[in-house]
C-alpha atoms as a PDB file:
ATOM      1  CA  MET A   1       0.018   0.070   0.042  1.00  0.00           C
ATOM      2  CA  SER A   2       1.318   3.526  -1.046  1.00  0.00           C
ATOM      3  CA  LEU A   3       2.497   5.888   1.934  1.00  0.00           C
ATOM      4  CA  ILE A   4       1.478   9.050   0.050  1.00  0.00           C
ATOM      5  CA  VAL A   5      -1.433   8.925  -2.418  1.00  0.00           C
ATOM      6  CA  VAL A   6      -2.325  12.117  -4.501  1.00  0.00           C
ATOM      7  CA  GLU A   7      -5.068  11.941  -7.079  1.00  0.00           C
ATOM      8  CA  ASN A   8      -6.227  14.919  -9.289  1.00  0.00           C
ATOM      9  CA  LEU A   9      -5.149  17.567  -6.723  1.00  0.00           C
ATOM     10  CA  VAL A  10      -6.302  20.900  -7.661  1.00  0.00           C
ATOM     11  CA  LYS A  11      -5.162  24.323  -5.920  1.00  0.00           C
ATOM     12  CA  THR A  12      -5.899  27.647  -7.087  1.00  0.00           C
ATOM     13  CA  PHE A  13      -5.383  31.027  -5.895  1.00  0.00           C
ATOM     14  CA  LYS A  14      -6.952  34.346  -6.499  1.00  0.00           C
ATOM     15  CA  VAL A  15      -4.477  37.381  -7.033  1.00  0.00           C
ATOM     16  CA  ALA A  16      -5.470  41.062  -6.896  1.00  0.00           C
ATOM     17  CA  GLN A  17      -4.733  42.989 -10.069  1.00  0.00           C
ATOM     18  CA  ARG A  18      -4.256  46.621 -10.073  1.00  0.00           C
ATOM     19  CA  GLN A  19      -3.913  49.169 -13.175  1.00  0.00           C
ATOM     20  CA  PRO A  20      -0.513  51.187 -13.062  1.00  0.00           C
ATOM     21  CA  GLY A  21      -0.507  54.833 -11.616  1.00  0.00           C
ATOM     22  CA  LEU A  22      -2.530  56.857  -9.159  1.00  0.00           C
ATOM     23  CA  TRP A  23      -5.770  56.436 -10.998  1.00  0.00           C
ATOM     24  CA  GLY A  24      -5.479  52.724 -11.105  1.00  0.00           C
ATOM     25  CA  ALA A  25      -4.899  52.502  -7.353  1.00  0.00           C
ATOM     26  CA  VAL A  26      -8.084  54.741  -6.764  1.00  0.00           C
ATOM     27  CA  ARG A  27      -9.924  52.359  -9.205  1.00  0.00           C
ATOM     28  CA  GLY A  28      -8.569  49.454  -7.204  1.00  0.00           C
ATOM     29  CA  LEU A  29     -10.091  50.644  -4.127  1.00  0.00           C
ATOM     30  CA  ILE A  30     -13.761  50.877  -5.711  1.00  0.00           C
ATOM     31  CA  HIS A  31     -13.555  47.725  -7.925  1.00  0.00           C
ATOM     32  CA  ARG A  32     -10.892  45.394  -7.273  1.00  0.00           C
ATOM     33  CA  GLN A  33     -10.187  42.917 -10.126  1.00  0.00           C
ATOM     34  CA  HIS A  34      -8.488  39.357  -9.521  1.00  0.00           C
ATOM     35  CA  ARG A  35      -7.259  36.677 -11.798  1.00  0.00           C
ATOM     36  CA  THR A  36      -6.981  32.969 -10.996  1.00  0.00           C
ATOM     37  CA  VAL A  37      -3.812  31.074 -10.781  1.00  0.00           C
ATOM     38  CA  HIS A  38      -3.584  27.312 -10.868  1.00  0.00           C
ATOM     39  CA  ALA A  39      -0.977  26.399  -8.627  1.00  0.00           C
ATOM     40  CA  LEU A  40      -1.891  22.916  -9.005  1.00  0.00           C
ATOM     41  CA  ASP A  41      -3.696  21.377 -12.026  1.00  0.00           C
ATOM     42  CA  GLY A  42      -4.842  18.002 -11.419  1.00  0.00           C
ATOM     43  CA  ILE A  43      -1.718  16.406 -10.413  1.00  0.00           C
ATOM     44  CA  SER A  44      -1.478  12.472  -9.537  1.00  0.00           C
ATOM     45  CA  PHE A  45       1.177  10.194  -8.162  1.00  0.00           C
ATOM     46  CA  ALA A  46       1.947   7.762  -5.333  1.00  0.00           C
ATOM     47  CA  ILE A  47       4.935   7.443  -3.227  1.00  0.00           C
ATOM     48  CA  GLU A  48       5.766   4.013  -1.618  1.00  0.00           C
ATOM     49  CA  PRO A  49       7.425   3.576   2.051  1.00  0.00           C
ATOM     50  CA  GLY A  50      11.233   4.104   1.988  1.00  0.00           C
ATOM     51  CA  GLU A  51      11.237   6.023  -1.383  1.00  0.00           C
ATOM     52  CA  LEU A  52      13.628   8.950  -1.646  1.00  0.00           C
ATOM     53  CA  VAL A  53      12.069  11.234  -4.033  1.00  0.00           C
ATOM     54  CA  GLY A  54      13.396  14.164  -6.001  1.00  0.00           C
ATOM     55  CA  TYR A  55      10.464  16.792  -6.525  1.00  0.00           C
ATOM     56  CA  ILE A  56      11.849  19.537  -8.958  1.00  0.00           C
ATOM     57  CA  GLY A  57      10.559  22.466 -10.914  1.00  0.00           C
ATOM     58  CA  PRO A  58      11.216  26.153 -11.691  1.00  0.00           C
ATOM     59  CA  ASN A  59      10.116  28.825  -9.387  1.00  0.00           C
ATOM     60  CA  GLY A  60       6.175  28.959  -9.274  1.00  0.00           C
ATOM     61  CA  ALA A  61       5.840  25.320 -10.724  1.00  0.00           C
ATOM     62  CA  GLY A  62       3.792  24.244  -7.384  1.00  0.00           C
ATOM     63  CA  LYS A  63       6.231  22.479  -5.445  1.00  0.00           C
ATOM     64  CA  SER A  64       5.808  24.373  -2.171  1.00  0.00           C
ATOM     65  CA  THR A  65       2.212  24.439  -2.706  1.00  0.00           C
ATOM     66  CA  THR A  66       2.328  20.548  -3.000  1.00  0.00           C
ATOM     67  CA  VAL A  67       4.493  20.321   0.125  1.00  0.00           C
ATOM     68  CA  LYS A  68       2.131  22.569   2.264  1.00  0.00           C
ATOM     69  CA  ILE A  69      -1.027  20.148   1.066  1.00  0.00           C
ATOM     70  CA  LEU A  70       0.908  17.296   2.237  1.00  0.00           C
ATOM     71  CA  SER A  71       2.067  18.878   5.419  1.00  0.00           C
ATOM     72  CA  GLY A  72      -1.705  19.902   6.202  1.00  0.00           C
ATOM     73  CA  ILE A  73      -0.820  23.707   6.046  1.00  0.00           C
ATOM     74  CA  LEU A  74      -3.083  23.907   2.783  1.00  0.00           C
ATOM     75  CA  VAL A  75      -6.461  22.736   1.738  1.00  0.00           C
ATOM     76  CA  PRO A  76      -6.769  21.907  -2.006  1.00  0.00           C
ATOM     77  CA  ASN A  77      -9.850  23.043  -4.096  1.00  0.00           C
ATOM     78  CA  SER A  78     -10.574  19.387  -5.079  1.00  0.00           C
ATOM     79  CA  GLY A  79      -8.623  15.896  -5.378  1.00  0.00           C
ATOM     80  CA  VAL A  80      -7.657  13.260  -3.123  1.00  0.00           C
ATOM     81  CA  CYS A  81      -4.487  13.457  -0.778  1.00  0.00           C
ATOM     82  CA  THR A  82      -3.697  10.922   1.942  1.00  0.00           C
ATOM     83  CA  VAL A  83      -0.380  10.378   3.808  1.00  0.00           C
ATOM     84  CA  ASN A  84      -0.275   7.300   5.647  1.00  0.00           C
ATOM     85  CA  GLY A  85      -3.853   6.693   5.515  1.00  0.00           C
ATOM     86  CA  ARG A  86      -4.519  10.037   6.747  1.00  0.00           C
ATOM     87  CA  VAL A  87      -6.076  13.269   5.010  1.00  0.00           C
ATOM     88  CA  PRO A  88      -3.376  15.943   6.290  1.00  0.00           C
ATOM     89  CA  TRP A  89      -5.609  18.855   6.702  1.00  0.00           C
ATOM     90  CA  LYS A  90      -8.327  16.833   8.610  1.00  0.00           C
ATOM     91  CA  HIS A  91      -6.470  15.120  10.879  1.00  0.00           C
ATOM     92  CA  ARG A  92      -3.441  17.495  11.171  1.00  0.00           C
ATOM     93  CA  ILE A  93      -2.491  16.647  15.076  1.00  0.00           C
ATOM     94  CA  ALA A  94      -1.977  12.798  14.425  1.00  0.00           C
ATOM     95  CA  HIS A  95      -0.476  13.639  11.002  1.00  0.00           C
ATOM     96  CA  VAL A  96       2.226  16.024  12.082  1.00  0.00           C
ATOM     97  CA  GLN A  97       3.165  13.553  14.779  1.00  0.00           C
ATOM     98  CA  ARG A  98       4.668  11.232  12.030  1.00  0.00           C
ATOM     99  CA  LEU A  99       6.077  14.003   9.954  1.00  0.00           C
ATOM    100  CA  GLY A 100       9.486  15.766   9.758  1.00  0.00           C
ATOM    101  CA  VAL A 101       9.873  19.013   7.854  1.00  0.00           C
ATOM    102  CA  VAL A 102      13.379  20.880   7.159  1.00  0.00           C
ATOM    103  CA  PHE A 103      13.558  24.336   5.344  1.00  0.00           C
ATOM    104  CA  GLY A 104      16.770  25.248   4.275  1.00  0.00           C
ATOM    105  CA  GLN A 105      16.184  29.210   4.816  1.00  0.00           C
ATOM    106  CA  ARG A 106      14.309  28.682   8.146  1.00  0.00           C
ATOM    107  CA  THR A 107      15.044  27.112  11.355  1.00  0.00           C
ATOM    108  CA  GLN A 108      12.953  25.265  13.905  1.00  0.00           C
ATOM    109  CA  LEU A 109      15.405  25.883  16.730  1.00  0.00           C
ATOM    110  CA  TRP A 110      15.121  28.802  19.227  1.00  0.00           C
ATOM    111  CA  TRP A 111      17.651  31.505  18.188  1.00  0.00           C
ATOM    112  CA  ASP A 112      18.693  32.365  21.897  1.00  0.00           C
ATOM    113  CA  LEU A 113      18.792  28.983  23.311  1.00  0.00           C
ATOM    114  CA  PRO A 114      21.487  26.315  23.303  1.00  0.00           C
ATOM    115  CA  VAL A 115      20.990  23.462  20.800  1.00  0.00           C
ATOM    116  CA  ILE A 116      20.300  20.926  23.427  1.00  0.00           C
ATOM    117  CA  GLU A 117      17.393  23.045  25.253  1.00  0.00           C
ATOM    118  CA  SER A 118      15.886  23.336  21.522  1.00  0.00           C
ATOM    119  CA  PHE A 119      15.997  19.658  21.415  1.00  0.00           C
ATOM    120  CA  ASP A 120      14.444  19.195  24.892  1.00  0.00           C
ATOM    121  CA  LEU A 121      11.673  21.598  24.089  1.00  0.00           C
ATOM    122  CA  LEU A 122      10.800  19.662  20.659  1.00  0.00           C
ATOM    123  CA  ALA A 123      10.694  16.236  22.670  1.00  0.00           C
ATOM    124  CA  ALA A 124       8.349  17.961  24.979  1.00  0.00           C
ATOM    125  CA  ILE A 125       6.223  19.377  21.892  1.00  0.00           C
ATOM    126  CA  TYR A 126       5.841  15.857  20.157  1.00  0.00           C
ATOM    127  CA  ARG A 127       5.488  14.047  23.498  1.00  0.00           C
ATOM    128  CA  VAL A 128       8.298  11.835  22.953  1.00  0.00           C
ATOM    129  CA  PRO A 129       8.949   9.246  25.849  1.00  0.00           C
ATOM    130  CA  PRO A 130      11.981  10.335  27.692  1.00  0.00           C
ATOM    131  CA  ALA A 131      13.701   6.972  26.924  1.00  0.00           C
ATOM    132  CA  ASP A 132      12.920   7.056  23.269  1.00  0.00           C
ATOM    133  CA  TYR A 133      14.011  10.838  23.057  1.00  0.00           C
ATOM    134  CA  ARG A 134      17.518  10.054  24.946  1.00  0.00           C
ATOM    135  CA  ARG A 135      17.972   7.266  22.343  1.00  0.00           C
ATOM    136  CA  ASN A 136      16.920   9.025  19.463  1.00  0.00           C
ATOM    137  CA  ARG A 137      19.003  12.199  20.352  1.00  0.00           C
ATOM    138  CA  ALA A 138      22.031   9.920  20.981  1.00  0.00           C
ATOM    139  CA  GLU A 139      21.800   8.480  17.673  1.00  0.00           C
ATOM    140  CA  MET A 140      21.429  12.007  15.780  1.00  0.00           C
ATOM    141  CA  VAL A 141      24.216  13.416  17.579  1.00  0.00           C
ATOM    142  CA  ASP A 142      26.161  10.505  16.683  1.00  0.00           C
ATOM    143  CA  LEU A 143      25.378  10.386  12.908  1.00  0.00           C
ATOM    144  CA  LEU A 144      25.515  14.144  12.602  1.00  0.00           C
ATOM    145  CA  ASP A 145      28.553  14.973  14.700  1.00  0.00           C
ATOM    146  CA  LEU A 146      26.625  17.357  16.973  1.00  0.00           C
ATOM    147  CA  ALA A 147      28.346  16.793  20.350  1.00  0.00           C
ATOM    148  CA  PRO A 148      30.327  19.865  20.037  1.00  0.00           C
ATOM    149  CA  LEU A 149      27.520  21.934  19.238  1.00  0.00           C
ATOM    150  CA  LEU A 150      25.042  20.935  21.928  1.00  0.00           C
ATOM    151  CA  ASP A 151      25.825  23.685  24.445  1.00  0.00           C
ATOM    152  CA  THR A 152      26.272  26.527  21.638  1.00  0.00           C
ATOM    153  CA  PRO A 153      23.353  28.941  21.249  1.00  0.00           C
ATOM    154  CA  VAL A 154      21.802  28.596  17.918  1.00  0.00           C
ATOM    155  CA  ARG A 155      22.602  31.895  16.736  1.00  0.00           C
ATOM    156  CA  GLN A 156      26.345  31.203  17.049  1.00  0.00           C
ATOM    157  CA  LEU A 157      26.165  28.304  14.712  1.00  0.00           C
ATOM    158  CA  SER A 158      27.431  28.533  11.083  1.00  0.00           C
ATOM    159  CA  LEU A 159      24.925  27.868   8.238  1.00  0.00           C
ATOM    160  CA  GLY A 160      26.400  24.165   7.835  1.00  0.00           C
ATOM    161  CA  GLN A 161      26.228  23.446  11.630  1.00  0.00           C
ATOM    162  CA  ARG A 162      22.645  24.865  12.051  1.00  0.00           C
ATOM    163  CA  MET A 163      21.376  22.828   9.015  1.00  0.00           C
ATOM    164  CA  ARG A 164      22.765  19.481  10.744  1.00  0.00           C
ATOM    165  CA  CYS A 165      21.170  20.601  14.087  1.00  0.00           C
ATOM    166  CA  ASP A 166      17.509  21.274  12.000  1.00  0.00           C
ATOM    167  CA  LEU A 167      17.804  17.852  10.496  1.00  0.00           C
ATOM    168  CA  ALA A 168      18.473  16.239  13.900  1.00  0.00           C
ATOM    169  CA  ALA A 169      15.519  18.364  15.311  1.00  0.00           C
ATOM    170  CA  ALA A 170      13.019  17.201  12.783  1.00  0.00           C
ATOM    171  CA  LEU A 171      13.919  13.612  13.276  1.00  0.00           C
ATOM    172  CA  LEU A 172      13.771  13.513  17.189  1.00  0.00           C
ATOM    173  CA  HIS A 173      10.366  11.995  17.187  1.00  0.00           C
ATOM    174  CA  ARG A 174      10.908   9.407  14.509  1.00  0.00           C
ATOM    175  CA  PRO A 175       8.867  10.488  11.637  1.00  0.00           C
ATOM    176  CA  ASP A 176       7.674   8.149   8.873  1.00  0.00           C
ATOM    177  CA  VAL A 177       7.862  10.979   6.214  1.00  0.00           C
ATOM    178  CA  LEU A 178      10.700  13.779   5.977  1.00  0.00           C
ATOM    179  CA  PHE A 179      10.092  16.739   3.655  1.00  0.00           C
ATOM    180  CA  LEU A 180      13.310  18.597   2.808  1.00  0.00           C
ATOM    181  CA  ASP A 181      13.176  21.878   1.189  1.00  0.00           C
ATOM    182  CA  GLU A 182      16.498  23.314  -0.242  1.00  0.00           C
ATOM    183  CA  PRO A 183      18.392  21.582   2.813  1.00  0.00           C
ATOM    184  CA  THR A 184      22.005  22.285   1.201  1.00  0.00           C
ATOM    185  CA  ILE A 185      21.182  26.086   0.174  1.00  0.00           C
ATOM    186  CA  GLY A 186      24.256  28.117   0.932  1.00  0.00           C
ATOM    187  CA  LEU A 187      26.207  25.412   2.261  1.00  0.00           C
ATOM    188  CA  ASP A 188      30.140  24.929   1.413  1.00  0.00           C
ATOM    189  CA  ALA A 189      30.944  21.709  -0.401  1.00  0.00           C
ATOM    190  CA  VAL A 190      32.090  19.820   2.830  1.00  0.00           C
ATOM    191  CA  SER A 191      28.695  20.672   4.595  1.00  0.00           C
ATOM    192  CA  LYS A 192      26.624  19.676   1.493  1.00  0.00           C
ATOM    193  CA  LEU A 193      28.464  16.295   1.302  1.00  0.00           C
ATOM    194  CA  ALA A 194      27.732  15.776   5.017  1.00  0.00           C
ATOM    195  CA  VAL A 195      24.175  16.410   4.796  1.00  0.00           C
ATOM    196  CA  ARG A 196      23.754  14.268   1.536  1.00  0.00           C
ATOM    197  CA  ARG A 197      25.564  11.332   3.176  1.00  0.00           C
ATOM    198  CA  PHE A 198      23.277  11.742   6.398  1.00  0.00           C
ATOM    199  CA  ILE A 199      20.108  11.530   4.278  1.00  0.00           C
ATOM    200  CA  LYS A 200      21.210   8.670   2.379  1.00  0.00           C
ATOM    201  CA  GLU A 201      21.936   6.708   5.524  1.00  0.00           C
ATOM    202  CA  LEU A 202      18.817   7.738   7.300  1.00  0.00           C
ATOM    203  CA  ASN A 203      16.910   6.606   4.254  1.00  0.00           C
ATOM    204  CA  ARG A 204      18.762   3.157   4.098  1.00  0.00           C
ATOM    205  CA  ARG A 205      18.980   2.308   7.968  1.00  0.00           C
ATOM    206  CA  GLN A 206      15.540   3.674   9.251  1.00  0.00           C
ATOM    207  CA  GLY A 207      13.493   3.264   5.946  1.00  0.00           C
ATOM    208  CA  VAL A 208      12.461   7.009   6.278  1.00  0.00           C
ATOM    209  CA  THR A 209      10.276   8.326   3.028  1.00  0.00           C
ATOM    210  CA  VAL A 210      12.128  11.310   1.907  1.00  0.00           C
ATOM    211  CA  ILE A 211      10.717  14.139  -0.424  1.00  0.00           C
ATOM    212  CA  LEU A 212      13.352  16.504  -1.368  1.00  0.00           C
ATOM    213  CA  THR A 213      12.451  19.696  -3.102  1.00  0.00           C
ATOM    214  CA  THR A 214      15.758  21.477  -4.385  1.00  0.00           C
ATOM    215  CA  HIS A 215      17.320  23.415  -7.400  1.00  0.00           C
ATOM    216  CA  ASP A 216      20.634  21.832  -6.829  1.00  0.00           C
ATOM    217  CA  MET A 217      20.830  19.059  -9.341  1.00  0.00           C
ATOM    218  CA  ASP A 218      23.914  17.617  -7.539  1.00  0.00           C
ATOM    219  CA  ASP A 219      21.613  16.868  -4.738  1.00  0.00           C
ATOM    220  CA  ILE A 220      19.214  15.080  -6.903  1.00  0.00           C
ATOM    221  CA  GLU A 221      22.014  12.922  -8.734  1.00  0.00           C
ATOM    222  CA  ALA A 222      23.699  12.052  -5.428  1.00  0.00           C
ATOM    223  CA  LEU A 223      20.467  11.069  -3.594  1.00  0.00           C
ATOM    224  CA  CYS A 224      17.143  10.386  -5.582  1.00  0.00           C
ATOM    225  CA  SER A 225      16.245   7.079  -7.456  1.00  0.00           C
ATOM    226  CA  ARG A 226      13.182   8.631  -8.669  1.00  0.00           C
ATOM    227  CA  VAL A 227      12.669  12.195  -9.869  1.00  0.00           C
ATOM    228  CA  MET A 228       9.077  13.855 -10.399  1.00  0.00           C
ATOM    229  CA  VAL A 229       9.255  17.327 -12.520  1.00  0.00           C
ATOM    230  CA  ILE A 230       6.422  19.860 -12.030  1.00  0.00           C
ATOM    231  CA  GLY A 231       5.744  22.795 -14.189  1.00  0.00           C
ATOM    232  CA  GLN A 232       2.730  25.184 -14.126  1.00  0.00           C
ATOM    233  CA  GLY A 233       0.935  22.745 -11.947  1.00  0.00           C
ATOM    234  CA  LYS A 234       1.286  19.918 -13.922  1.00  0.00           C
ATOM    235  CA  ILE A 235       3.564  16.705 -13.546  1.00  0.00           C
ATOM    236  CA  LEU A 236       5.738  17.008 -16.518  1.00  0.00           C
ATOM    237  CA  SER A 237       8.018  13.566 -15.739  1.00  0.00           C
ATOM    238  CA  ASP A 238       7.975  10.958 -13.340  1.00  0.00           C
ATOM    239  CA  GLY A 239      10.592   8.159 -13.030  1.00  0.00           C
ATOM    240  CA  SER A 240      14.194   7.560 -12.807  1.00  0.00           C
ATOM    241  CA  LEU A 241      16.990  10.034 -13.907  1.00  0.00           C
ATOM    242  CA  GLU A 242      17.882   7.931 -16.619  1.00  0.00           C
ATOM    243  CA  ALA A 243      14.456   7.783 -17.943  1.00  0.00           C
ATOM    244  CA  LEU A 244      14.063  11.556 -17.659  1.00  0.00           C
ATOM    245  CA  ARG A 245      17.242  11.941 -19.668  1.00  0.00           C
ATOM    246  CA  ARG A 246      16.195   9.810 -22.415  1.00  0.00           C
ATOM    247  CA  SER A 247      12.713  11.408 -22.642  1.00  0.00           C
ATOM    248  CA  VAL A 248      14.637  14.937 -23.391  1.00  0.00           C
ATOM    249  CA  THR A 249      17.636  13.787 -25.416  1.00  0.00           C
ATOM    250  CA  SER A 250      19.704  10.641 -26.451  1.00  0.00           C
ATOM    251  CA  GLU A 251      23.028  13.340 -26.534  1.00  0.00           C
ATOM    252  CA  ARG A 252      26.137  12.581 -25.110  1.00  0.00           C
ATOM    253  CA  TRP A 253      29.239  14.474 -24.745  1.00  0.00           C
ATOM    254  CA  LEU A 254      33.088  13.814 -25.441  1.00  0.00           C
ATOM    255  CA  ILE A 255      35.485  15.767 -23.490  1.00  0.00           C
ATOM    256  CA  VAL A 256      38.715  16.048 -25.406  1.00  0.00           C
ATOM    257  CA  ASP A 257      41.844  17.506 -23.914  1.00  0.00           C
ATOM    258  CA  LEU A 258      44.486  18.082 -26.732  1.00  0.00           C
ATOM    259  CA  ALA A 259      48.249  17.953 -26.370  1.00  0.00           C
ATOM    260  CA  ASN A 260      48.812  21.136 -28.223  1.00  0.00           C
ATOM    261  CA  ASP A 261      47.806  24.712 -28.045  1.00  0.00           C
ATOM    262  CA  GLY A 262      45.882  26.142 -30.966  1.00  0.00           C
ATOM    263  CA  ASP A 263      44.333  22.804 -32.254  1.00  0.00           C
ATOM    264  CA  GLY A 264      40.614  22.742 -33.215  1.00  0.00           C
ATOM    265  CA  VAL A 265      38.455  19.463 -33.326  1.00  0.00           C
ATOM    266  CA  SER A 266      35.757  19.050 -35.780  1.00  0.00           C
ATOM    267  CA  ASP A 267      33.973  16.204 -37.056  1.00  0.00           C
ATOM    268  CA  PRO A 268      30.627  15.859 -39.281  1.00  0.00           C
ATOM    269  CA  ASP A 269      28.697  14.044 -36.816  1.00  0.00           C
ATOM    270  CA  ALA A 270      29.530  16.063 -33.677  1.00  0.00           C
ATOM    271  CA  LEU A 271      28.961  19.508 -32.710  1.00  0.00           C
ATOM    272  CA  VAL A 272      31.608  21.536 -30.884  1.00  0.00           C
ATOM    273  CA  ILE A 273      29.641  23.270 -27.755  1.00  0.00           C
ATOM    274  CA  GLU A 274      32.526  24.725 -26.138  1.00  0.00           C
ATOM    275  CA  HIS A 275      36.505  25.397 -26.656  1.00  0.00           C
ATOM    276  CA  THR A 276      38.410  26.557 -23.918  1.00  0.00           C
ATOM    277  CA  GLY A 277      42.286  26.631 -24.017  1.00  0.00           C
ATOM    278  CA  ARG A 278      43.037  22.921 -24.953  1.00  0.00           C
ATOM    279  CA  ARG A 279      39.820  21.418 -23.719  1.00  0.00           C
ATOM    280  CA  VAL A 280      37.046  20.925 -26.386  1.00  0.00           C
ATOM    281  CA  GLU A 281      33.716  19.437 -25.670  1.00  0.00           C
ATOM    282  CA  LEU A 282      31.787  17.880 -28.555  1.00  0.00           C
ATOM    283  CA  SER A 283      27.940  16.876 -28.397  1.00  0.00           C
ATOM    284  CA  PHE A 284      27.033  13.908 -30.545  1.00  0.00           C
ATOM    285  CA  ASP A 285      24.255  11.513 -30.847  1.00  0.00           C
ATOM    286  CA  PRO A 286      25.177   7.757 -30.142  1.00  0.00           C
ATOM    287  CA  GLN A 287      22.255   6.541 -32.386  1.00  0.00           C
ATOM    288  CA  HIS A 288      24.131   8.226 -35.286  1.00  0.00           C
ATOM    289  CA  ILE A 289      27.724   7.647 -34.429  1.00  0.00           C
ATOM    290  CA  SER A 290      28.918   5.167 -31.671  1.00  0.00           C
ATOM    291  CA  PRO A 291      31.597   6.832 -28.949  1.00  0.00           C
ATOM    292  CA  ALA A 292      34.287   4.595 -29.935  1.00  0.00           C
ATOM    293  CA  GLU A 293      34.101   5.606 -33.634  1.00  0.00           C
ATOM    294  CA  LEU A 294      33.908   9.394 -32.740  1.00  0.00           C
ATOM    295  CA  ILE A 295      37.003   8.831 -30.578  1.00  0.00           C
ATOM    296  CA  ALA A 296      38.749   6.740 -32.992  1.00  0.00           C
ATOM    297  CA  ARG A 297      38.091   9.719 -35.498  1.00  0.00           C
ATOM    298  CA  VAL A 298      39.282  12.365 -33.130  1.00  0.00           C
ATOM    299  CA  THR A 299      42.561  10.515 -31.953  1.00  0.00           C
ATOM    300  CA  ALA A 300      43.517   9.899 -35.713  1.00  0.00           C
ATOM    301  CA  LYS A 301      43.489  13.609 -36.389  1.00  0.00           C
ATOM    302  CA  HIS A 302      44.806  15.121 -33.025  1.00  0.00           C
ATOM    303  CA  ALA A 303      47.331  14.631 -30.675  1.00  0.00           C
ATOM    304  CA  ILE A 304      45.329  13.850 -27.329  1.00  0.00           C
ATOM    305  CA  ARG A 305      46.282  14.143 -23.698  1.00  0.00           C
ATOM    306  CA  ASP A 306      43.232  12.841 -22.200  1.00  0.00           C
ATOM    307  CA  LEU A 307      39.522  12.160 -23.076  1.00  0.00           C
ATOM    308  CA  PHE A 308      36.069  10.969 -21.618  1.00  0.00           C
ATOM    309  CA  VAL A 309      32.755  10.626 -22.760  1.00  0.00           C
ATOM    310  CA  GLN A 310      29.619  11.746 -20.386  1.00  0.00           C
ATOM    311  CA  ASN A 311      26.030  12.512 -20.153  1.00  0.00           C
ATOM    312  CA  PRO A 312      25.105  16.361 -20.335  1.00  0.00           C
ATOM    313  CA  PRO A 313      24.909  17.797 -16.609  1.00  0.00           C
ATOM    314  CA  ILE A 314      21.265  17.066 -15.450  1.00  0.00           C
ATOM    315  CA  GLU A 315      20.575  20.741 -15.218  1.00  0.00           C
ATOM    316  CA  LYS A 316      20.922  21.039 -18.846  1.00  0.00           C
ATOM    317  CA  ILE A 317      18.442  18.376 -19.374  1.00  0.00           C
ATOM    318  CA  ILE A 318      15.916  19.914 -16.933  1.00  0.00           C
ATOM    319  CA  ALA A 319      16.409  23.464 -18.467  1.00  0.00           C
ATOM    320  CA  ARG A 320      15.529  21.766 -21.920  1.00  0.00           C
ATOM    321  CA  LEU A 321      12.551  20.412 -20.300  1.00  0.00           C
ATOM    322  CA  TYR A 322      11.499  23.748 -18.991  1.00  0.00           C
ATOM    323  CA  GLY A 323      12.365  25.338 -22.240  1.00  0.00           C
ATOM    324  CA  ARG A 324       9.865  22.858 -24.172  1.00  0.00           C
ATOM    325  CA  LEU A 325       7.131  23.906 -21.446  1.00  0.00           C
ATOM    326  CA  GLU A 326       7.520  27.482 -22.082  1.00  0.00           C
ATOM    327  CA  SER A 327       7.534  26.766 -26.012  1.00  0.00           C
ATOM    328  CA  SER A 328       4.236  24.710 -25.820  1.00  0.00           C
ATOM    329  CA  ASN A 329       2.489  27.517 -23.980  1.00  0.00           C
ATOM    330  CA  GLN A 330       3.592  30.305 -26.314  1.00  0.00           C
ATOM    331  CA  SER A 331       2.421  28.416 -29.275  1.00  0.00           C
END
């Protein structure tokens, strides 16, 4: 049985419109005009227990609206939504007891209190039995290396330290579902790796179902076996990263490091997409020419120091998918 079920979910908002200038402001006081925004336009999906799902899309696509409905904060206009058999906005108290949420730009910790006191308060709010709380806290402190931070006021933590503490805070009550909204935003490379490693280990060891919304495609590639792409309130794609790539393009890239300066690389079955110094990046379709054949042609004509074949970066794939959506709307 699916842990999360969403069927034909619709959510609209009315947005006030005003004509420019002073006269427009006066008219707006007398006769206010509105337009309807379809934040969610009949989306449907199901998520199984223990899945780690990336939920991505451009700004205004409907990601936050979906998460707020799943969290019980918003009520949809129509459709079905259940999490662990409960309707989030109808059974909110019971629902949030099994839910963890982390927002990268906000904190649920108390700014002037030491971290350990914030943990104690959250345990009391969620009514976690003392023995369970001590066990859960010890596990989080160990996994996230929080021991040196427990007596530090939250306002004195770095962004990376605070994010690790926020992750622990969201998991003290052992939720079944964890919503992560931009959990690595603003973090340095070391902190990002630590957060990703923890999320993957949490999902593997405890079977927590994780829904990750982010604009950092490295997070998606490192963590998610399934990716849902939303745009203008509709699900555009739902499947593995590899399936998403295939749905957009079969293109591959050949990266060539030339031995000599000033050399150029060209081939009738490949397109030069960038040439910087001795490095040349070629785009080709493996359905038209195999990587081995293209490499043989290039190495026969040029002295090569190194080369490798890779898929286009996932952010470029996503950008093309968004571009298709905008083009279809304009036409």
